[in-house]
Amino acid sequence: MENSTENIQKQNLNKTEIFIDIEKLKGYINKMQLEIDLLEEIVKLLKP
């Protein structure tokens, strides 16, 4: 019985880790989007 509780706890921990990774990924994506937007603005300024 204790073993199954341990497995459930491990699964929940894995879900938490995945959620944290997804949140990190969202942060990276937002940062990349900002950098892309900035580059697009620079390109607009450089065009004659």
PDB file of N, CA and C in Angstrom:
ATOM      1  N   MET A   1       0.841  -1.208   0.000  1.00  0.00           N
ATOM      2  CA  MET A   1       0.000   0.000   0.000  1.00  0.00           C
ATOM      3  C   MET A   1       0.874   1.256   0.000  1.00  0.00           C
ATOM      4  N   GLU A   2       1.902   1.233   0.825  1.00  0.00           N
ATOM      5  CA  GLU A   2       2.786   2.394   0.924  1.00  0.00           C
ATOM      6  C   GLU A   2       3.495   2.651  -0.408  1.00  0.00           C
ATOM      7  N   ASN A   3       3.797   1.566  -1.138  1.00  0.00           N
ATOM      8  CA  ASN A   3       4.487   1.677  -2.416  1.00  0.00           C
ATOM      9  C   ASN A   3       3.651   2.436  -3.446  1.00  0.00           C
ATOM     10  N   SER A   4       2.339   2.164  -3.460  1.00  0.00           N
ATOM     11  CA  SER A   4       1.474   2.855  -4.427  1.00  0.00           C
ATOM     12  C   SER A   4       1.363   4.348  -4.083  1.00  0.00           C
ATOM     13  N   THR A   5       1.352   4.664  -2.794  1.00  0.00           N
ATOM     14  CA  THR A   5       1.326   6.078  -2.372  1.00  0.00           C
ATOM     15  C   THR A   5       2.601   6.771  -2.825  1.00  0.00           C
ATOM     16  N   GLU A   6       3.720   6.055  -2.704  1.00  0.00           N
ATOM     17  CA  GLU A   6       5.011   6.589  -3.144  1.00  0.00           C
ATOM     18  C   GLU A   6       4.984   6.867  -4.642  1.00  0.00           C
ATOM     19  N   ASN A   7       4.430   5.943  -5.409  1.00  0.00           N
ATOM     20  CA  ASN A   7       4.337   6.101  -6.871  1.00  0.00           C
ATOM     21  C   ASN A   7       3.489   7.310  -7.231  1.00  0.00           C
ATOM     22  N   ILE A   8       2.371   7.488  -6.542  1.00  0.00           N
ATOM     23  CA  ILE A   8       1.490   8.641  -6.791  1.00  0.00           C
ATOM     24  C   ILE A   8       2.239   9.937  -6.490  1.00  0.00           C
ATOM     25  N   GLN A   9       2.978   9.952  -5.374  1.00  0.00           N
ATOM     26  CA  GLN A   9       3.747  11.146  -5.020  1.00  0.00           C
ATOM     27  C   GLN A   9       4.799  11.460  -6.087  1.00  0.00           C
ATOM     28  N   LYS A  10       5.462  10.396  -6.596  1.00  0.00           N
ATOM     29  CA  LYS A  10       6.468  10.586  -7.648  1.00  0.00           C
ATOM     30  C   LYS A  10       5.816  11.127  -8.914  1.00  0.00           C
ATOM     31  N   GLN A  11       4.640  10.600  -9.277  1.00  0.00           N
ATOM     32  CA  GLN A  11       3.930  11.070 -10.463  1.00  0.00           C
ATOM     33  C   GLN A  11       3.553  12.541 -10.313  1.00  0.00           C
ATOM     34  N   ASN A  12       3.068  12.914  -9.132  1.00  0.00           N
ATOM     35  CA  ASN A  12       2.697  14.308  -8.883  1.00  0.00           C
ATOM     36  C   ASN A  12       3.907  15.217  -8.981  1.00  0.00           C
ATOM     37  N   LEU A  13       5.032  14.749  -8.484  1.00  0.00           N
ATOM     38  CA  LEU A  13       6.278  15.518  -8.554  1.00  0.00           C
ATOM     39  C   LEU A  13       6.677  15.716 -10.011  1.00  0.00           C
ATOM     40  N   ASN A  14       6.566  14.654 -10.808  1.00  0.00           N
ATOM     41  CA  ASN A  14       6.888  14.753 -12.240  1.00  0.00           C
ATOM     42  C   ASN A  14       5.975  15.749 -12.934  1.00  0.00           C
ATOM     43  N   LYS A  15       4.687  15.734 -12.588  1.00  0.00           N
ATOM     44  CA  LYS A  15       3.737  16.686 -13.177  1.00  0.00           C
ATOM     45  C   LYS A  15       4.137  18.114 -12.818  1.00  0.00           C
ATOM     46  N   THR A  16       4.554  18.313 -11.587  1.00  0.00           N
ATOM     47  CA  THR A  16       4.979  19.640 -11.134  1.00  0.00           C
ATOM     48  C   THR A  16       6.207  20.087 -11.917  1.00  0.00           C
ATOM     49  N   GLU A  17       7.171  19.167 -12.106  1.00  0.00           N
ATOM     50  CA  GLU A  17       8.390  19.493 -12.851  1.00  0.00           C
ATOM     51  C   GLU A  17       8.043  19.860 -14.292  1.00  0.00           C
ATOM     52  N   ILE A  18       7.135  19.109 -14.901  1.00  0.00           N
ATOM     53  CA  ILE A  18       6.718  19.387 -16.280  1.00  0.00           C
ATOM     54  C   ILE A  18       6.065  20.763 -16.349  1.00  0.00           C
ATOM     55  N   PHE A  19       5.198  21.067 -15.376  1.00  0.00           N
ATOM     56  CA  PHE A  19       4.531  22.372 -15.344  1.00  0.00           C
ATOM     57  C   PHE A  19       5.551  23.495 -15.253  1.00  0.00           C
ATOM     58  N   ILE A  20       6.554  23.323 -14.387  1.00  0.00           N
ATOM     59  CA  ILE A  20       7.600  24.336 -14.230  1.00  0.00           C
ATOM     60  C   ILE A  20       8.370  24.498 -15.544  1.00  0.00           C
ATOM     61  N   ASP A  21       8.685  23.373 -16.203  1.00  0.00           N
ATOM     62  CA  ASP A  21       9.394  23.428 -17.488  1.00  0.00           C
ATOM     63  C   ASP A  21       8.570  24.169 -18.525  1.00  0.00           C
ATOM     64  N   ILE A  22       7.256  23.931 -18.554  1.00  0.00           N
ATOM     65  CA  ILE A  22       6.380  24.614 -19.508  1.00  0.00           C
ATOM     66  C   ILE A  22       6.370  26.110 -19.218  1.00  0.00           C
ATOM     67  N   GLU A  23       6.323  26.479 -17.946  1.00  0.00           N
ATOM     68  CA  GLU A  23       6.340  27.899 -17.584  1.00  0.00           C
ATOM     69  C   GLU A  23       7.655  28.546 -18.020  1.00  0.00           C
ATOM     70  N   LYS A  24       8.771  27.820 -17.829  1.00  0.00           N
ATOM     71  CA  LYS A  24      10.082  28.329 -18.274  1.00  0.00           C
ATOM     72  C   LYS A  24      10.073  28.525 -19.771  1.00  0.00           C
ATOM     73  N   LEU A  25       9.520  27.541 -20.478  1.00  0.00           N
ATOM     74  CA  LEU A  25       9.450  27.589 -21.934  1.00  0.00           C
ATOM     75  C   LEU A  25       8.633  28.787 -22.398  1.00  0.00           C
ATOM     76  N   LYS A  26       7.507  29.042 -21.714  1.00  0.00           N
ATOM     77  CA  LYS A  26       6.675  30.204 -22.051  1.00  0.00           C
ATOM     78  C   LYS A  26       7.481  31.489 -21.885  1.00  0.00           C
ATOM     79  N   GLY A  27       8.281  31.545 -20.843  1.00  0.00           N
ATOM     80  CA  GLY A  27       9.136  32.705 -20.599  1.00  0.00           C
ATOM     81  C   GLY A  27      10.133  32.908 -21.723  1.00  0.00           C
ATOM     82  N   TYR A  28      10.775  31.796 -22.142  1.00  0.00           N
ATOM     83  CA  TYR A  28      11.738  31.876 -23.247  1.00  0.00           C
ATOM     84  C   TYR A  28      11.052  32.325 -24.531  1.00  0.00           C
ATOM     85  N   ILE A  29       9.858  31.762 -24.801  1.00  0.00           N
ATOM     86  CA  ILE A  29       9.118  32.109 -26.019  1.00  0.00           C
ATOM     87  C   ILE A  29       8.755  33.588 -26.009  1.00  0.00           C
ATOM     88  N   ASN A  30       8.276  34.089 -24.883  1.00  0.00           N
ATOM     89  CA  ASN A  30       7.930  35.521 -24.787  1.00  0.00           C
ATOM     90  C   ASN A  30       9.154  36.391 -25.026  1.00  0.00           C
ATOM     91  N   LYS A  31      10.286  35.974 -24.458  1.00  0.00           N
ATOM     92  CA  LYS A  31      11.528  36.730 -24.630  1.00  0.00           C
ATOM     93  C   LYS A  31      11.953  36.732 -26.096  1.00  0.00           C
ATOM     94  N   MET A  32      11.858  35.568 -26.737  1.00  0.00           N
ATOM     95  CA  MET A  32      12.217  35.473 -28.158  1.00  0.00           C
ATOM     96  C   MET A  32      11.294  36.336 -29.008  1.00  0.00           C
ATOM     97  N   GLN A  33      10.006  36.336 -28.669  1.00  0.00           N
ATOM     98  CA  GLN A  33       9.048  37.146 -29.433  1.00  0.00           C
ATOM     99  C   GLN A  33       9.395  38.626 -29.310  1.00  0.00           C
ATOM    100  N   LEU A  34       9.773  39.059 -28.116  1.00  0.00           N
ATOM    101  CA  LEU A  34      10.175  40.453 -27.928  1.00  0.00           C
ATOM    102  C   LEU A  34      11.408  40.780 -28.761  1.00  0.00           C
ATOM    103  N   GLU A  35      12.366  39.840 -28.795  1.00  0.00           N
ATOM    104  CA  GLU A  35      13.581  40.054 -29.579  1.00  0.00           C
ATOM    105  C   GLU A  35      13.252  40.121 -31.067  1.00  0.00           C
ATOM    106  N   ILE A  36      12.339  39.266 -31.522  1.00  0.00           N
ATOM    107  CA  ILE A  36      11.912  39.269 -32.931  1.00  0.00           C
ATOM    108  C   ILE A  36      11.244  40.607 -33.261  1.00  0.00           C
ATOM    109  N   ASP A  37      10.351  41.054 -32.383  1.00  0.00           N
ATOM    110  CA  ASP A  37       9.671  42.341 -32.598  1.00  0.00           C
ATOM    111  C   ASP A  37      10.694  43.466 -32.704  1.00  0.00           C
ATOM    112  N   LEU A  38      11.688  43.434 -31.826  1.00  0.00           N
ATOM    113  CA  LEU A  38      12.732  44.455 -31.832  1.00  0.00           C
ATOM    114  C   LEU A  38      13.517  44.423 -33.138  1.00  0.00           C
ATOM    115  N   LEU A  39      13.871  43.215 -33.575  1.00  0.00           N
ATOM    116  CA  LEU A  39      14.601  43.082 -34.843  1.00  0.00           C
ATOM    117  C   LEU A  39      13.770  43.591 -36.014  1.00  0.00           C
ATOM    118  N   GLU A  40      12.476  43.299 -36.002  1.00  0.00           N
ATOM    119  CA  GLU A  40      11.595  43.782 -37.077  1.00  0.00           C
ATOM    120  C   GLU A  40      11.564  45.306 -37.105  1.00  0.00           C
ATOM    121  N   GLU A  41      11.534  45.925 -35.939  1.00  0.00           N
ATOM    122  CA  GLU A  41      11.548  47.397 -35.869  1.00  0.00           C
ATOM    123  C   GLU A  41      12.862  47.955 -36.400  1.00  0.00           C
ATOM    124  N   ILE A  42      13.968  47.301 -36.062  1.00  0.00           N
ATOM    125  CA  ILE A  42      15.284  47.741 -36.544  1.00  0.00           C
ATOM    126  C   ILE A  42      15.343  47.639 -38.060  1.00  0.00           C
ATOM    127  N   VAL A  43      14.834  46.530 -38.598  1.00  0.00           N
ATOM    128  CA  VAL A  43      14.828  46.347 -40.058  1.00  0.00           C
ATOM    129  C   VAL A  43      14.013  47.447 -40.730  1.00  0.00           C
ATOM    130  N   LYS A  44      12.868  47.783 -40.153  1.00  0.00           N
ATOM    131  CA  LYS A  44      12.031  48.863 -40.703  1.00  0.00           C
ATOM    132  C   LYS A  44      12.818  50.174 -40.752  1.00  0.00           C
ATOM    133  N   LEU A  45      13.576  50.446 -39.687  1.00  0.00           N
ATOM    134  CA  LEU A  45      14.356  51.687 -39.629  1.00  0.00           C
ATOM    135  C   LEU A  45      15.489  51.699 -40.647  1.00  0.00           C
ATOM    136  N   LEU A  46      16.052  50.512 -40.910  1.00  0.00           N
ATOM    137  CA  LEU A  46      17.184  50.427 -41.833  1.00  0.00           C
ATOM    138  C   LEU A  46      16.760  50.509 -43.295  1.00  0.00           C
ATOM    139  N   LYS A  47      15.512  50.140 -43.576  1.00  0.00           N
ATOM    140  CA  LYS A  47      15.033  50.194 -44.966  1.00  0.00           C
ATOM    141  C   LYS A  47      14.969  51.647 -45.431  1.00  0.00           C
ATOM    142  N   PRO A  48      15.414  51.908 -46.651  1.00  0.00           N
ATOM    143  CA  PRO A  48      15.401  53.288 -47.169  1.00  0.00           C
ATOM    144  C   PRO A  48      13.975  53.780 -47.442  1.00  0.00           C
TER     145      PRO A  48
END
